[in-house]
Amino acid sequence: MIISKFKVFESGTALGAIGTHFVAGMLAFGGTADLLLGWSDIIKHSILKIVKLAAVASDVAWAQTFTPATFTVGNEFVLSIKSPDSRQQYVKIFKYKVVAGDTATTVCNAFRALINASSLPITGSGSATLTLTADVAGTGINYVVTAGATGTSTFTGGSVTADAVKTDAAHLASKYENVDAADFASTTDAYIQYLVKYKDTDGVERYAACFVDDGTTVTALDNAINGNYAAVTEQDGVIAEGAV
């Protein structure tokens, strides 16, 4: 994504009160920025969308846990693992047929052995449940796993822990054109991202950004963007317009 202009607020920088972010019909991103690159305020009515992306403190590996139940002899448990990577998309299917004496642990043990012996970059762990975890965090790949069973048996998948990449200077520089790692004061801190899609004066849709170190409080900015004017007082101590 090409970023046409941006501001950077480093750790501890005051972003400003609620009334400093939208001023005279313009989006200003108030407070005193540590860096401005090509920044000029954006006409409020030209804004098409503002998206906030939370700071990610460290790379997160994709993971999901599955629970088998009702172990009827002859029933089959089935696990289908699909990689959504468009460069090398594939589906791997694993099956286990129930025999007398099987429990959740024996079924999960069987699947762990199958998966860990495969070429998938995923490791199975757990005991009476099967937890699948990507071997490498921050790859951008979120596997799609479908679990099922025949007969009366059930195989249920829990919530997914999505893969995530640390939002440090190097990541932001690789993600956004016109952004350089040297634009940020820290090489290790994580940054919150506010992406603003707007229509410029020439009619072309562009993106601006505000990068905020996760050590900086963003409550007033969030309230300004969300129109929550009753939540914060203005700098002069008077309740903001629109409060009741």
Protein backbone atom coordinates (compact mmCIF):
# COMPACT_ATOMS: atom_id res chain seq x y z
CA MET A 1 0.00 0.00 0.00
CA ILE A 2 1.27 3.48 -0.88
CA ILE A 3 1.12 6.00 1.96
CA SER A 4 0.97 9.56 0.67
CA LYS A 5 1.64 11.25 4.03
CA PHE A 6 1.92 10.30 7.67
CA LYS A 7 2.65 11.28 11.25
CA VAL A 8 4.56 9.34 13.88
CA PHE A 9 3.94 9.67 17.61
CA GLU A 10 6.58 7.99 19.74
CA SER A 11 6.27 6.57 23.27
CA GLY A 12 5.05 9.10 25.80
CA THR A 13 4.16 11.76 23.20
CA ALA A 14 0.93 13.59 24.05
CA LEU A 15 -1.55 13.06 21.25
CA GLY A 16 -3.68 15.95 22.45
CA ALA A 17 -7.24 16.36 23.74
CA ILE A 18 -10.28 15.31 21.75
CA GLY A 19 -10.73 18.75 20.19
CA THR A 20 -7.27 18.70 18.59
CA HIS A 21 -7.89 15.88 16.15
CA PHE A 22 -10.68 17.33 14.01
CA VAL A 23 -10.10 21.09 13.68
CA ALA A 24 -12.05 23.46 11.42
CA GLY A 25 -13.45 20.60 9.36
CA MET A 26 -10.05 18.96 8.93
CA LEU A 27 -8.50 15.77 10.30
CA ALA A 28 -5.28 16.97 11.93
CA PHE A 29 -4.22 14.12 14.26
CA GLY A 30 -3.57 16.52 17.14
CA GLY A 31 -0.79 16.78 19.63
CA THR A 32 2.88 17.20 18.78
CA ALA A 33 4.09 14.54 16.37
CA ASP A 34 7.67 13.31 16.53
CA LEU A 35 7.79 13.07 12.74
CA LEU A 36 5.72 14.47 9.89
CA LEU A 37 6.35 13.35 6.34
CA GLY A 38 4.46 15.24 3.64
CA TRP A 39 1.68 15.84 6.13
CA SER A 40 -1.18 18.27 5.49
CA ASP A 41 -4.57 18.07 7.19
CA ILE A 42 -7.32 16.12 5.46
CA ILE A 43 -10.71 17.63 4.70
CA LYS A 44 -13.18 15.78 6.92
CA HIS A 45 -15.84 15.26 4.24
CA SER A 46 -13.23 13.75 1.87
CA ILE A 47 -12.51 10.88 4.26
CA LEU A 48 -13.84 7.56 2.98
CA LYS A 49 -12.67 5.30 5.81
CA ILE A 50 -10.47 5.25 8.90
CA VAL A 51 -9.15 1.87 10.03
CA LYS A 52 -7.29 1.27 13.28
CA LEU A 53 -4.89 -1.67 13.45
CA ALA A 54 -3.79 -2.63 16.95
CA ALA A 55 -0.14 -2.90 17.87
CA VAL A 56 1.28 -6.42 17.88
CA ALA A 57 3.99 -6.77 20.52
CA SER A 58 5.56 -9.93 19.07
CA ASP A 59 4.96 -12.37 16.24
CA VAL A 60 2.04 -14.72 16.89
CA ALA A 61 1.77 -18.25 15.50
CA TRP A 62 -1.50 -19.56 14.07
CA ALA A 63 -3.13 -22.11 16.38
CA GLN A 64 -6.41 -23.95 16.93
CA THR A 65 -7.60 -26.66 19.33
CA PHE A 66 -9.92 -29.57 18.49
CA THR A 67 -11.91 -31.84 20.81
CA PRO A 68 -13.21 -35.33 19.87
CA ALA A 69 -16.21 -36.89 21.62
CA THR A 70 -18.40 -40.03 21.53
CA PHE A 71 -16.14 -42.93 20.58
CA THR A 72 -18.31 -45.44 18.77
CA VAL A 73 -16.37 -48.35 17.27
CA GLY A 74 -16.17 -47.99 13.51
CA ASN A 75 -16.80 -44.24 13.46
CA GLU A 76 -14.18 -42.12 11.70
CA PHE A 77 -12.67 -38.83 12.82
CA VAL A 78 -11.52 -36.62 9.93
CA LEU A 79 -9.28 -33.56 9.91
CA SER A 80 -8.75 -31.46 6.77
CA ILE A 81 -5.95 -28.87 6.81
CA LYS A 82 -5.86 -26.29 4.05
CA SER A 83 -3.15 -23.72 3.43
CA PRO A 84 -4.60 -20.47 2.04
CA ASP A 85 -1.20 -19.44 0.65
CA SER A 86 -2.01 -18.65 -3.00
CA ARG A 87 1.59 -19.42 -4.01
CA GLN A 88 1.44 -23.01 -2.78
CA GLN A 89 -2.10 -23.97 -1.90
CA TYR A 90 -2.76 -27.50 -0.69
CA VAL A 91 -5.13 -29.63 1.39
CA LYS A 92 -4.02 -32.46 3.69
CA ILE A 93 -6.59 -34.91 5.03
CA PHE A 94 -6.06 -37.11 8.10
CA LYS A 95 -8.42 -39.87 9.29
CA TYR A 96 -8.69 -42.16 12.30
CA LYS A 97 -11.17 -45.05 12.77
CA VAL A 98 -12.35 -45.75 16.30
CA VAL A 99 -11.55 -49.12 17.89
CA ALA A 100 -12.72 -50.58 21.19
CA GLY A 101 -11.32 -48.77 24.21
CA ASP A 102 -10.61 -45.50 22.43
CA THR A 103 -10.85 -42.25 24.37
CA ALA A 104 -10.28 -38.59 23.55
CA THR A 105 -6.62 -39.07 24.43
CA THR A 106 -6.05 -42.07 22.17
CA VAL A 107 -7.78 -40.35 19.26
CA CYS A 108 -5.75 -37.16 19.77
CA ASN A 109 -2.55 -39.18 20.17
CA ALA A 110 -3.24 -40.78 16.79
CA PHE A 111 -3.76 -37.43 15.08
CA ARG A 112 -0.69 -35.93 16.74
CA ALA A 113 1.43 -38.80 15.45
CA LEU A 114 0.03 -38.43 11.91
CA ILE A 115 0.46 -34.65 11.77
CA ASN A 116 3.88 -34.54 13.40
CA ALA A 117 5.15 -37.19 11.00
CA SER A 118 3.86 -35.26 7.98
CA SER A 119 5.64 -32.53 6.06
CA LEU A 120 3.25 -29.84 7.34
CA PRO A 121 4.94 -26.93 9.17
CA ILE A 122 2.48 -27.52 12.00
CA THR A 123 2.97 -29.27 15.35
CA GLY A 124 0.28 -31.17 17.21
CA SER A 125 0.25 -31.05 21.02
CA GLY A 126 -2.11 -31.62 23.93
CA SER A 127 -3.59 -34.70 25.57
CA ALA A 128 -7.37 -35.17 25.48
CA THR A 129 -7.51 -32.31 22.99
CA LEU A 130 -5.53 -31.74 19.80
CA THR A 131 -3.84 -28.35 19.54
CA LEU A 132 -2.33 -27.45 16.18
CA THR A 133 0.28 -24.69 16.13
CA ALA A 134 2.23 -23.32 13.16
CA ASP A 135 5.94 -23.97 13.54
CA VAL A 136 6.86 -20.39 12.63
CA ALA A 137 5.07 -17.28 13.86
CA GLY A 138 4.46 -14.25 11.71
CA THR A 139 4.41 -15.96 8.31
CA GLY A 140 1.09 -14.41 7.32
CA ILE A 141 -0.45 -17.86 6.81
CA ASN A 142 -3.66 -18.78 8.62
CA TYR A 143 -4.58 -22.40 8.03
CA VAL A 144 -8.20 -23.40 7.50
CA VAL A 145 -8.92 -26.62 9.38
CA THR A 146 -12.17 -28.54 9.13
CA ALA A 147 -12.91 -31.26 11.68
CA GLY A 148 -15.69 -33.81 11.44
CA ALA A 149 -16.72 -37.36 12.30
CA THR A 150 -19.02 -40.08 11.01
CA GLY A 151 -21.85 -41.71 12.95
CA THR A 152 -22.50 -40.41 16.45
CA SER A 153 -18.97 -39.12 17.04
CA THR A 154 -18.14 -35.41 17.00
CA PHE A 155 -14.94 -33.48 16.38
CA THR A 156 -15.21 -29.81 17.37
CA GLY A 157 -12.82 -26.98 16.58
CA GLY A 158 -12.28 -24.11 19.01
CA SER A 159 -11.53 -20.47 18.29
CA VAL A 160 -8.57 -19.64 16.08
CA THR A 161 -5.46 -17.76 17.16
CA ALA A 162 -4.63 -15.82 14.02
CA ASP A 163 -1.09 -15.42 12.73
CA ALA A 164 0.21 -11.92 13.36
CA VAL A 165 3.41 -10.04 12.63
CA LYS A 166 5.01 -7.66 15.12
CA THR A 167 4.17 -4.12 14.05
CA ASP A 168 7.68 -2.78 14.49
CA ALA A 169 9.55 -0.33 12.27
CA ALA A 170 10.89 -3.02 9.93
CA HIS A 171 7.44 -4.53 9.38
CA LEU A 172 5.79 -1.17 8.71
CA ALA A 173 8.52 -0.22 6.26
CA SER A 174 8.04 -3.46 4.35
CA LYS A 175 4.25 -3.11 4.38
CA TYR A 176 3.87 0.52 3.28
CA GLU A 177 5.53 2.26 0.36
CA ASN A 178 7.09 5.64 1.24
CA VAL A 179 7.62 4.50 4.86
CA ASP A 180 11.18 3.77 6.03
CA ALA A 181 12.31 1.99 9.19
CA ALA A 182 14.49 5.02 9.95
CA ASP A 183 11.31 7.11 10.30
CA PHE A 184 10.71 5.50 13.71
CA ALA A 185 12.64 6.18 16.91
CA SER A 186 12.62 2.55 18.02
CA THR A 187 13.52 -0.62 16.15
CA THR A 188 11.92 -2.82 18.81
CA ASP A 189 8.69 -1.06 19.87
CA ALA A 190 5.32 -1.90 18.32
CA TYR A 191 3.13 0.75 16.70
CA ILE A 192 -0.62 1.25 16.42
CA GLN A 193 -1.68 2.14 12.88
CA TYR A 194 -4.47 4.50 11.80
CA LEU A 195 -5.01 4.26 8.04
CA VAL A 196 -7.08 7.00 6.42
CA LYS A 197 -8.53 6.46 2.97
CA TYR A 198 -9.56 9.79 1.48
CA LYS A 199 -10.28 11.50 -1.83
CA ASP A 200 -7.62 14.10 -2.51
CA THR A 201 -8.28 17.52 -4.07
CA ASP A 202 -7.46 16.08 -7.49
CA GLY A 203 -10.19 13.44 -7.06
CA VAL A 204 -7.73 10.56 -6.60
CA GLU A 205 -8.20 8.19 -3.67
CA ARG A 206 -5.13 8.06 -1.43
CA TYR A 207 -4.02 6.79 1.98
CA ALA A 208 -2.61 8.74 4.89
CA ALA A 209 -1.44 7.20 8.13
CA CYS A 210 -0.82 7.90 11.76
CA PHE A 211 1.64 5.60 13.53
CA VAL A 212 1.51 5.64 17.33
CA ASP A 213 3.94 3.84 19.63
CA ASP A 214 1.96 1.46 21.81
CA GLY A 215 3.34 3.24 24.88
CA THR A 216 1.24 6.29 24.00
CA THR A 217 -2.36 6.77 25.17
CA VAL A 218 -4.80 7.00 22.26
CA THR A 219 -8.12 7.36 24.12
CA ALA A 220 -8.79 10.93 23.01
CA LEU A 221 -7.96 10.12 19.38
CA ASP A 222 -10.25 7.09 19.38
CA ASN A 223 -13.07 9.13 20.90
CA ALA A 224 -12.62 11.83 18.27
CA ILE A 225 -12.69 9.33 15.39
CA ASN A 226 -15.70 7.49 16.82
CA GLY A 227 -17.60 10.67 17.62
CA ASN A 228 -17.68 9.89 21.34
CA TYR A 229 -17.56 13.57 22.32
CA ALA A 230 -19.31 13.11 25.67
CA ALA A 231 -16.45 10.92 26.92
CA VAL A 232 -13.70 13.55 27.02
CA THR A 233 -13.53 17.19 28.09
CA GLU A 234 -12.05 19.84 25.87
CA GLN A 235 -8.73 21.44 26.76
CA ASP A 236 -10.50 24.31 28.52
CA GLY A 237 -12.37 21.87 30.76
CA VAL A 238 -15.74 22.36 29.11
CA ILE A 239 -17.63 19.23 28.07
CA ALA A 240 -17.24 18.71 24.35
CA GLU A 241 -20.00 19.67 21.93
CA GLY A 242 -22.71 17.05 21.66
CA ALA A 243 -22.55 15.97 25.30
CA VAL A 244 -25.78 15.78 27.28
